[in-house]
C-alpha atoms as a PDB file:
ATOM      1  CA  MET A   1     116.649 103.467 -94.071  1.00  0.00           C
ATOM      2  CA  PRO A   2     118.534 104.821 -97.106  1.00  0.00           C
ATOM      3  CA  TYR A   3     116.705 106.602 -99.902  1.00  0.00           C
ATOM      4  CA  ALA A   4     116.848 105.870-103.631  1.00  0.00           C
ATOM      5  CA  PRO A   5     119.830 107.177-105.599  1.00  0.00           C
ATOM      6  CA  ALA A   6     119.547 110.780-106.785  1.00  0.00           C
ATOM      7  CA  ALA A   7     121.345 112.751-109.475  1.00  0.00           C
ATOM      8  CA  ALA A   8     122.939 115.903-108.083  1.00  0.00           C
ATOM      9  CA  ARG A   9     124.958 118.905-109.171  1.00  0.00           C
ATOM     10  CA  VAL A  10     127.832 120.041-106.969  1.00  0.00           C
ATOM     11  CA  VAL A  11     127.503 123.704-106.041  1.00  0.00           C
ATOM     12  CA  ARG A  12     130.612 123.853-103.875  1.00  0.00           C
ATOM     13  CA  VAL A  13     133.292 121.630-102.356  1.00  0.00           C
ATOM     14  CA  VAL A  14     133.482 122.573 -98.662  1.00  0.00           C
ATOM     15  CA  ASP A  15     136.359 120.275 -97.774  1.00  0.00           C
ATOM     16  CA  GLY A  16     137.597 116.812 -98.664  1.00  0.00           C
ATOM     17  CA  ASP A  17     134.542 115.018 -97.325  1.00  0.00           C
ATOM     18  CA  THR A  18     131.718 117.571 -97.573  1.00  0.00           C
ATOM     19  CA  LEU A  19     129.938 118.915-100.644  1.00  0.00           C
ATOM     20  CA  ILE A  20     127.080 121.339-101.192  1.00  0.00           C
ATOM     21  CA  VAL A  21     124.739 119.982-103.867  1.00  0.00           C
ATOM     22  CA  ASP A  22     121.530 120.759-105.698  1.00  0.00           C
ATOM     23  CA  ILE A  23     119.167 117.870-106.355  1.00  0.00           C
ATOM     24  CA  ASP A  24     116.875 119.115-109.095  1.00  0.00           C
ATOM     25  CA  THR A  25     114.312 116.325-108.648  1.00  0.00           C
ATOM     26  CA  TYR A  26     113.683 117.328-105.026  1.00  0.00           C
ATOM     27  CA  PRO A  27     111.654 120.366-103.935  1.00  0.00           C
ATOM     28  CA  PRO A  28     113.913 123.421-103.400  1.00  0.00           C
ATOM     29  CA  VAL A  29     113.555 123.348 -99.611  1.00  0.00           C
ATOM     30  CA  PHE A  30     115.015 119.814 -99.577  1.00  0.00           C
ATOM     31  CA  GLY A  31     117.074 119.844-102.734  1.00  0.00           C
ATOM     32  CA  GLN A  32     118.951 123.112-103.079  1.00  0.00           C
ATOM     33  CA  ALA A  33     122.246 123.977-101.391  1.00  0.00           C
ATOM     34  CA  ILE A  34     122.199 120.753 -99.378  1.00  0.00           C
ATOM     35  CA  PRO A  35     125.378 119.791 -97.482  1.00  0.00           C
ATOM     36  CA  VAL A  36     126.314 116.158 -98.075  1.00  0.00           C
ATOM     37  CA  ARG A  37     128.941 114.313 -96.042  1.00  0.00           C
ATOM     38  CA  LEU A  38     130.759 111.531 -97.893  1.00  0.00           C
ATOM     39  CA  ALA A  39     130.083 108.084 -96.504  1.00  0.00           C
ATOM     40  CA  GLY A  40     133.008 105.763 -95.912  1.00  0.00           C
ATOM     41  CA  CYS A  41     135.882 108.151 -95.341  1.00  0.00           C
ATOM     42  CA  ASP A  42     137.100 111.109 -93.316  1.00  0.00           C
ATOM     43  CA  THR A  43     139.632 113.712 -94.418  1.00  0.00           C
ATOM     44  CA  PRO A  44     141.710 115.987 -92.188  1.00  0.00           C
ATOM     45  CA  GLU A  45     140.166 119.293 -91.153  1.00  0.00           C
ATOM     46  CA  LEU A  46     141.143 122.578 -92.782  1.00  0.00           C
ATOM     47  CA  ASN A  47     141.548 124.098 -89.307  1.00  0.00           C
ATOM     48  CA  ASP A  48     143.601 121.264 -87.786  1.00  0.00           C
ATOM     49  CA  PRO A  49     146.278 122.566 -85.389  1.00  0.00           C
ATOM     50  CA  ASP A  50     148.929 120.441 -87.139  1.00  0.00           C
ATOM     51  CA  PRO A  51     150.124 122.285 -90.283  1.00  0.00           C
ATOM     52  CA  ARG A  52     150.945 118.966 -91.979  1.00  0.00           C
ATOM     53  CA  LEU A  53     147.352 117.782 -91.556  1.00  0.00           C
ATOM     54  CA  ARG A  54     146.051 121.190 -92.713  1.00  0.00           C
ATOM     55  CA  ALA A  55     148.136 120.765 -95.867  1.00  0.00           C
ATOM     56  CA  LEU A  56     146.594 117.309 -96.416  1.00  0.00           C
ATOM     57  CA  ALA A  57     143.135 118.806 -95.870  1.00  0.00           C
ATOM     58  CA  VAL A  58     143.783 121.379 -98.582  1.00  0.00           C
ATOM     59  CA  ALA A  59     145.134 118.651-100.866  1.00  0.00           C
ATOM     60  CA  ALA A  60     142.003 116.540-100.260  1.00  0.00           C
ATOM     61  CA  ARG A  61     139.706 119.472-101.068  1.00  0.00           C
ATOM     62  CA  GLU A  62     141.659 120.233-104.274  1.00  0.00           C
ATOM     63  CA  PHE A  63     141.639 116.551-105.239  1.00  0.00           C
ATOM     64  CA  VAL A  64     137.847 116.455-104.892  1.00  0.00           C
ATOM     65  CA  ARG A  65     137.499 119.674-106.908  1.00  0.00           C
ATOM     66  CA  GLN A  66     139.600 118.178-109.714  1.00  0.00           C
ATOM     67  CA  VAL A  67     137.797 114.831-109.715  1.00  0.00           C
ATOM     68  CA  LEU A  68     134.401 116.509-109.844  1.00  0.00           C
ATOM     69  CA  ALA A  69     135.320 119.300-112.317  1.00  0.00           C
ATOM     70  CA  ASP A  70     131.670 120.259-112.907  1.00  0.00           C
ATOM     71  CA  ALA A  71     130.703 116.621-113.507  1.00  0.00           C
ATOM     72  CA  PRO A  72     127.270 115.465-112.411  1.00  0.00           C
ATOM     73  CA  VAL A  73     127.267 113.154-109.421  1.00  0.00           C
ATOM     74  CA  GLU A  74     124.938 110.508-108.096  1.00  0.00           C
ATOM     75  CA  LEU A  75     124.119 110.143-104.420  1.00  0.00           C
ATOM     76  CA  HIS A  76     123.662 106.555-103.253  1.00  0.00           C
ATOM     77  CA  ASP A  77     122.726 105.080 -99.868  1.00  0.00           C
ATOM     78  CA  ILE A  78     121.405 108.486 -98.782  1.00  0.00           C
ATOM     79  CA  GLY A  79     120.764 108.714 -95.051  1.00  0.00           C
ATOM     80  CA  ARG A  80     121.245 110.858 -91.953  1.00  0.00           C
ATOM     81  CA  GLY A  81     124.304 110.846 -89.745  1.00  0.00           C
ATOM     82  CA  LYS A  82     124.744 111.356 -86.027  1.00  0.00           C
ATOM     83  CA  TYR A  83     124.498 115.148 -86.366  1.00  0.00           C
ATOM     84  CA  PHE A  84     121.410 114.832 -88.622  1.00  0.00           C
ATOM     85  CA  ARG A  85     123.583 115.619 -91.642  1.00  0.00           C
ATOM     86  CA  ILE A  86     122.908 113.960 -94.963  1.00  0.00           C
ATOM     87  CA  ILE A  87     125.463 111.229 -95.570  1.00  0.00           C
ATOM     88  CA  ALA A  88     125.739 109.499 -98.923  1.00  0.00           C
ATOM     89  CA  ARG A  89     127.991 107.521-101.191  1.00  0.00           C
ATOM     90  CA  VAL A  90     128.941 109.966-103.942  1.00  0.00           C
ATOM     91  CA  ARG A  91     129.632 108.521-107.369  1.00  0.00           C
ATOM     92  CA  VAL A  92     131.202 110.475-110.211  1.00  0.00           C
ATOM     93  CA  ALA A  93     131.793 108.885-113.631  1.00  0.00           C
ATOM     94  CA  GLY A  94     130.887 105.534-112.080  1.00  0.00           C
ATOM     95  CA  GLN A  95     133.509 105.761-109.323  1.00  0.00           C
ATOM     96  CA  ASP A  96     133.002 106.120-105.592  1.00  0.00           C
ATOM     97  CA  LEU A  97     134.540 109.412-104.420  1.00  0.00           C
ATOM     98  CA  SER A  98     135.402 108.051-100.954  1.00  0.00           C
ATOM     99  CA  THR A  99     137.299 105.160-102.493  1.00  0.00           C
ATOM    100  CA  LEU A 100     139.246 107.567-104.701  1.00  0.00           C
ATOM    101  CA  LEU A 101     140.220 109.662-101.661  1.00  0.00           C
ATOM    102  CA  LEU A 102     141.294 106.571 -99.733  1.00  0.00           C
ATOM    103  CA  GLN A 103     143.361 105.292-102.660  1.00  0.00           C
ATOM    104  CA  ALA A 104     145.026 108.713-103.002  1.00  0.00           C
ATOM    105  CA  GLY A 105     146.072 108.592 -99.331  1.00  0.00           C
ATOM    106  CA  LEU A 106     144.045 111.712 -98.515  1.00  0.00           C
ATOM    107  CA  ALA A 107     141.438 110.089 -96.263  1.00  0.00           C
ATOM    108  CA  VAL A 108     141.017 107.374 -93.669  1.00  0.00           C
ATOM    109  CA  PRO A 109     138.145 104.874 -93.519  1.00  0.00           C
ATOM    110  CA  TYR A 110     135.254 106.122 -91.402  1.00  0.00           C
ATOM    111  CA  ALA A 111     131.904 104.583 -90.543  1.00  0.00           C
ATOM    112  CA  GLY A 112     130.726 107.106 -87.943  1.00  0.00           C
ATOM    113  CA  GLY A 113     131.455 107.075 -84.275  1.00  0.00           C
ATOM    114  CA  ARG A 114     134.677 108.451 -82.831  1.00  0.00           C
ATOM    115  CA  ARG A 115     136.788 110.763 -84.941  1.00  0.00           C
ATOM    116  CA  PRO A 116     139.544 108.763 -86.643  1.00  0.00           C
ATOM    117  CA  ASP A 117     143.261 109.356 -86.227  1.00  0.00           C
ATOM    118  CA  HIS A 118     144.481 111.224 -89.289  1.00  0.00           C
ATOM    119  CA  SER A 119     148.141 110.954 -88.269  1.00  0.00           C
ATOM    120  CA  VAL A 120     148.291 107.616 -90.127  1.00  0.00           C
ATOM    121  CA  LEU A 121     148.063 109.688 -93.322  1.00  0.00           C
ATOM    122  CA  LEU A 122     151.274 111.466 -92.339  1.00  0.00           C
ATOM    123  CA  SER A 123     153.053 108.152 -91.828  1.00  0.00           C
ATOM    124  CA  ALA A 124     151.882 106.925 -95.216  1.00  0.00           C
ATOM    125  CA  ALA A 125     152.876 110.186 -96.927  1.00  0.00           C
ATOM    126  CA  THR A 126     156.427 110.021 -95.553  1.00  0.00           C
ATOM    127  CA  ALA A 127     156.749 106.328 -96.438  1.00  0.00           C
ATOM    128  CA  ALA A 128     155.697 106.876-100.075  1.00  0.00           C
ATOM    129  CA  PRO A 129     158.531 106.723-102.619  1.00  0.00           C
END
C-alpha cells in the first residue's frame, strides 16, 4: 500500500534512477539520507561492461542532476520494491522525473521484475537525427 506524498530534498544523485533524499517531515531514522529508486523507469548502470551503455548511464545521471538543480521534489506512490528499497514517483516542478528520462531516451520503462534490456537505448540513439 503506497504512502501519502511527501516533500523531499535531494542530497545526492546516485545514478539515473536512484536518489538520496531527506524528508524533513519524517523522523531522522526514516527520513534522512534515504535512497529512493524511481518508479516507472530503469537507466543503464554506471558499471555496465558495455562502454556505450556506461556513457548513457553517465548521461542519465547528469540529466537528473540538471533537472533537479537543488529543486525540491515530491515523492508520490511511495512503496517498497523487491529488494525492500523505497520506490516512488518523483515529481519536480510538477513533472514526473521518470517520464522526463524516458522522453530523453536515457531510460527504458520498468515496472519491477526482470532487468530490462538497455540495448534498445543504443538503437534509438543511433537512429536519432
